[in-house]
Amino acid sequence: MSFSKKDNQIFFNPIRRGILNHEMIAAGDKVAVGLSGGKDSTSLFYFLDQIAKQNRLGFSFELVPISMDLGFEDFDISPLREFVADLGYELEVIPTDIAKIVFDIRAEKSPCSLCAKLRRGILYRRAAELGCKKVALGHHLDDALETYLMNFLFHGKMNSFEPKSYLSKTGVTLIRPMIYVEEKSIIRYVEREDLPVIFNPCPVDKQTKREEIKELVTNLSKTYPDIRQKFIMGIEQGTAADFWTKSHI
């Protein structure tokens, strides 16, 4: 697949900038990429694969695609297997009982937090077992802005998640290479290139507080079209130690 000048401006240059600005990947790194089957993680894996194959960082690194079966009956992971196989990789799939734990055993009224904690704990441990020192997640610019607003509106805190965070419990470093990429660009690219997006069978999908904040950002951007870019400016001009939320998982 060939990439246009616009693709470079929208995806590869911002991803490269994020990686280099925050020293996310170094020469020889073995990077696990968490794949949920959603548009963000699928796009991340594809972009990192192309960056690695085209040597856009000026050094080589290795990718290890990892996904997990949460235990939902209607989850078909075969399109994701085929996608990574076409790129020359074998998908590592971890079987879990997370759906049963969250919805049946614990019967969580707000299940997203526990589900995310369980998923990430399993992902980080498996990545470490496979020799990966880095774990890449598909969070993008909109996720960072939405997290900032959620922390402010719901908890009275003015911070967001870190682009890069060392996780002492597992010994791996969490990275978010798409921190400068807007969600709308990812959506358009996935549709244009017909990248696989797997149906999410979670019963609370699209029914969370984050969806409310996503709508808020959409409405704000109608009046302030550059709100996302101004957020990036705020990140880079502010004091990182005060702005970023430390990860402890």
Foldseek 3Di string as FASTA:
>chain_A
DDDDPVCCVQPVVLLLCLCVVVVQDDAAAEEEQEDALALQSLVVVVSVLVCQVVVVNVHHYHYAYEYEDCPDPPWDCVLVQVSVVVSPYGYHYHYDPNVCVQCPVVNDPARPVVSVVVRVVVVLQVCVVVVGQEYEYRDALLQQVLQQVCCCPPPVARAGADQWAQAVVRNHIYHYSRHHHDPVVSVVVCVVVVRGHIDDPPPCPCPDVSVVSSVVVVVVCVVVVCVSVVVVVCCVPDDVVRHHDHDHD
